Amino acid sequence: MYGWIWRHLPGNTLVRAVLALALALGVVYLLFQYVFPWAEPLLPFNDVTVDDAQGGTDR
């Protein structure tokens, strides 16, 4: 997949590297702004079931 992207980017190696970096940053931005907030309510990370079964005190 990365080879396909690299071959289809225009320019020399420096231009391709800058474009690949911009593409990667764009994907990260889209994930953090749209995908992760949409998926967060669907994930079970807030369903914590920790109890004090030993009867100890909080320290």
N, C-alpha and C. Protein backbone atom coordinates (compact mmCIF):
# COMPACT_ATOMS: atom_id res chain seq x y z
N MET A 1 0.83 -1.18 0.00
CA MET A 1 0.00 0.00 0.00
C MET A 1 0.88 1.25 0.00
N TYR A 2 1.90 1.30 0.85
CA TYR A 2 2.75 2.48 0.92
C TYR A 2 3.55 2.65 -0.37
N GLY A 3 3.96 1.54 -0.97
CA GLY A 3 4.65 1.60 -2.24
C GLY A 3 3.77 2.17 -3.33
N TRP A 4 2.51 1.78 -3.32
CA TRP A 4 1.56 2.30 -4.32
C TRP A 4 1.40 3.80 -4.15
N ILE A 5 1.25 4.26 -2.92
CA ILE A 5 1.11 5.69 -2.66
C ILE A 5 2.38 6.42 -3.10
N TRP A 6 3.54 5.87 -2.75
CA TRP A 6 4.81 6.52 -3.10
C TRP A 6 4.97 6.63 -4.61
N ARG A 7 4.61 5.58 -5.34
CA ARG A 7 4.75 5.61 -6.80
C ARG A 7 3.80 6.60 -7.45
N HIS A 8 2.67 6.88 -6.85
CA HIS A 8 1.68 7.77 -7.45
C HIS A 8 1.82 9.23 -7.03
N LEU A 9 2.70 9.52 -6.09
CA LEU A 9 2.94 10.91 -5.72
C LEU A 9 3.83 11.57 -6.77
N PRO A 10 3.54 12.81 -7.14
CA PRO A 10 4.35 13.48 -8.15
C PRO A 10 5.64 14.06 -7.56
N GLY A 11 6.62 14.32 -8.40
CA GLY A 11 7.83 15.02 -7.99
C GLY A 11 8.98 14.10 -7.67
N ASN A 12 10.07 14.72 -7.23
CA ASN A 12 11.26 13.97 -6.85
C ASN A 12 11.11 13.45 -5.43
N THR A 13 12.18 12.90 -4.89
CA THR A 13 12.13 12.27 -3.57
C THR A 13 11.76 13.26 -2.47
N LEU A 14 12.32 14.45 -2.52
CA LEU A 14 12.03 15.45 -1.49
C LEU A 14 10.56 15.87 -1.53
N VAL A 15 10.05 16.12 -2.73
CA VAL A 15 8.64 16.51 -2.87
C VAL A 15 7.73 15.37 -2.44
N ARG A 16 8.08 14.16 -2.81
CA ARG A 16 7.27 13.01 -2.41
C ARG A 16 7.26 12.85 -0.88
N ALA A 17 8.42 13.07 -0.25
CA ALA A 17 8.49 12.94 1.20
C ALA A 17 7.62 13.99 1.89
N VAL A 18 7.65 15.22 1.39
CA VAL A 18 6.82 16.28 1.97
C VAL A 18 5.34 15.97 1.76
N LEU A 19 4.99 15.51 0.56
CA LEU A 19 3.59 15.16 0.29
C LEU A 19 3.14 13.96 1.12
N ALA A 20 4.01 12.99 1.30
CA ALA A 20 3.66 11.83 2.12
C ALA A 20 3.46 12.24 3.58
N LEU A 21 4.30 13.15 4.07
CA LEU A 21 4.14 13.65 5.43
C LEU A 21 2.84 14.42 5.58
N ALA A 22 2.53 15.27 4.60
CA ALA A 22 1.27 16.03 4.64
C ALA A 22 0.07 15.09 4.58
N LEU A 23 0.16 14.05 3.77
CA LEU A 23 -0.92 13.07 3.68
C LEU A 23 -1.11 12.34 5.01
N ALA A 24 -0.01 11.94 5.64
CA ALA A 24 -0.10 11.25 6.93
C ALA A 24 -0.67 12.17 8.01
N LEU A 25 -0.24 13.43 8.03
CA LEU A 25 -0.78 14.37 9.01
C LEU A 25 -2.26 14.63 8.77
N GLY A 26 -2.66 14.67 7.51
CA GLY A 26 -4.08 14.84 7.19
C GLY A 26 -4.92 13.67 7.68
N VAL A 27 -4.40 12.48 7.52
CA VAL A 27 -5.12 11.29 8.00
C VAL A 27 -5.24 11.32 9.52
N VAL A 28 -4.16 11.67 10.21
CA VAL A 28 -4.20 11.76 11.68
C VAL A 28 -5.19 12.82 12.12
N TYR A 29 -5.21 13.96 11.44
CA TYR A 29 -6.15 15.03 11.77
C TYR A 29 -7.60 14.53 11.61
N LEU A 30 -7.89 13.88 10.50
CA LEU A 30 -9.25 13.37 10.28
C LEU A 30 -9.64 12.34 11.33
N LEU A 31 -8.69 11.50 11.72
CA LEU A 31 -8.99 10.51 12.75
C LEU A 31 -9.34 11.18 14.08
N PHE A 32 -8.52 12.15 14.50
CA PHE A 32 -8.75 12.78 15.80
C PHE A 32 -9.96 13.70 15.80
N GLN A 33 -10.28 14.33 14.68
CA GLN A 33 -11.39 15.27 14.64
C GLN A 33 -12.74 14.62 14.39
N TYR A 34 -12.77 13.53 13.65
CA TYR A 34 -14.05 12.96 13.22
C TYR A 34 -14.25 11.50 13.60
N VAL A 35 -13.28 10.66 13.36
CA VAL A 35 -13.47 9.23 13.56
C VAL A 35 -13.46 8.86 15.04
N PHE A 36 -12.44 9.31 15.78
CA PHE A 36 -12.36 8.94 17.19
C PHE A 36 -13.53 9.51 18.02
N PRO A 37 -13.95 10.77 17.84
CA PRO A 37 -15.11 11.24 18.59
C PRO A 37 -16.39 10.48 18.24
N TRP A 38 -16.52 10.07 17.00
CA TRP A 38 -17.70 9.29 16.61
C TRP A 38 -17.67 7.91 17.26
N ALA A 39 -16.49 7.28 17.33
CA ALA A 39 -16.39 5.92 17.82
C ALA A 39 -16.30 5.84 19.34
N GLU A 40 -15.97 6.92 20.01
CA GLU A 40 -15.76 6.89 21.46
C GLU A 40 -16.95 6.36 22.25
N PRO A 41 -18.19 6.76 21.95
CA PRO A 41 -19.30 6.20 22.72
C PRO A 41 -19.52 4.71 22.48
N LEU A 42 -19.00 4.19 21.40
CA LEU A 42 -19.18 2.78 21.08
C LEU A 42 -18.15 1.88 21.76
N LEU A 43 -17.09 2.46 22.31
CA LEU A 43 -16.02 1.68 22.92
C LEU A 43 -16.27 1.48 24.41
N PRO A 44 -15.90 0.35 24.95
CA PRO A 44 -16.22 0.03 26.35
C PRO A 44 -15.19 0.51 27.37
N PHE A 45 -14.42 1.55 27.08
CA PHE A 45 -13.36 1.96 27.99
C PHE A 45 -13.88 2.57 29.29
N ASN A 46 -15.08 3.09 29.30
CA ASN A 46 -15.64 3.70 30.51
C ASN A 46 -16.45 2.71 31.34
N ASP A 47 -16.57 1.48 30.88
CA ASP A 47 -17.32 0.47 31.62
C ASP A 47 -16.36 -0.26 32.57
N VAL A 48 -15.99 0.43 33.64
CA VAL A 48 -15.02 -0.12 34.59
C VAL A 48 -15.78 -0.73 35.75
N THR A 49 -15.42 -1.95 36.09
CA THR A 49 -16.05 -2.63 37.23
C THR A 49 -14.97 -3.02 38.23
N VAL A 50 -14.50 -2.03 38.97
CA VAL A 50 -13.49 -2.27 40.00
C VAL A 50 -14.16 -2.04 41.34
N ASP A 51 -14.08 -3.04 42.19
CA ASP A 51 -14.64 -2.87 43.53
C ASP A 51 -13.57 -3.25 44.55
N ASP A 52 -13.84 -2.90 45.77
CA ASP A 52 -12.90 -3.17 46.84
C ASP A 52 -13.32 -4.46 47.54
N ALA A 53 -13.03 -5.58 46.91
CA ALA A 53 -13.45 -6.87 47.45
C ALA A 53 -12.64 -7.27 48.68
N GLN A 54 -11.46 -6.70 48.89
CA GLN A 54 -10.62 -7.04 50.03
C GLN A 54 -11.02 -6.29 51.30
N GLY A 55 -11.83 -5.26 51.18
CA GLY A 55 -12.25 -4.52 52.34
C GLY A 55 -11.20 -3.56 52.87
N GLY A 56 -10.23 -3.24 52.04
CA GLY A 56 -9.16 -2.33 52.46
C GLY A 56 -9.61 -0.89 52.42
N THR A 57 -8.75 -0.02 52.86
CA THR A 57 -9.06 1.41 52.83
C THR A 57 -8.36 2.05 51.66
N ASP A 58 -8.89 3.19 51.22
CA ASP A 58 -8.26 3.94 50.14
C ASP A 58 -7.03 4.64 50.69
N ARG A 59 -5.95 4.59 49.95
CA ARG A 59 -4.73 5.24 50.40
C ARG A 59 -4.31 6.27 49.41
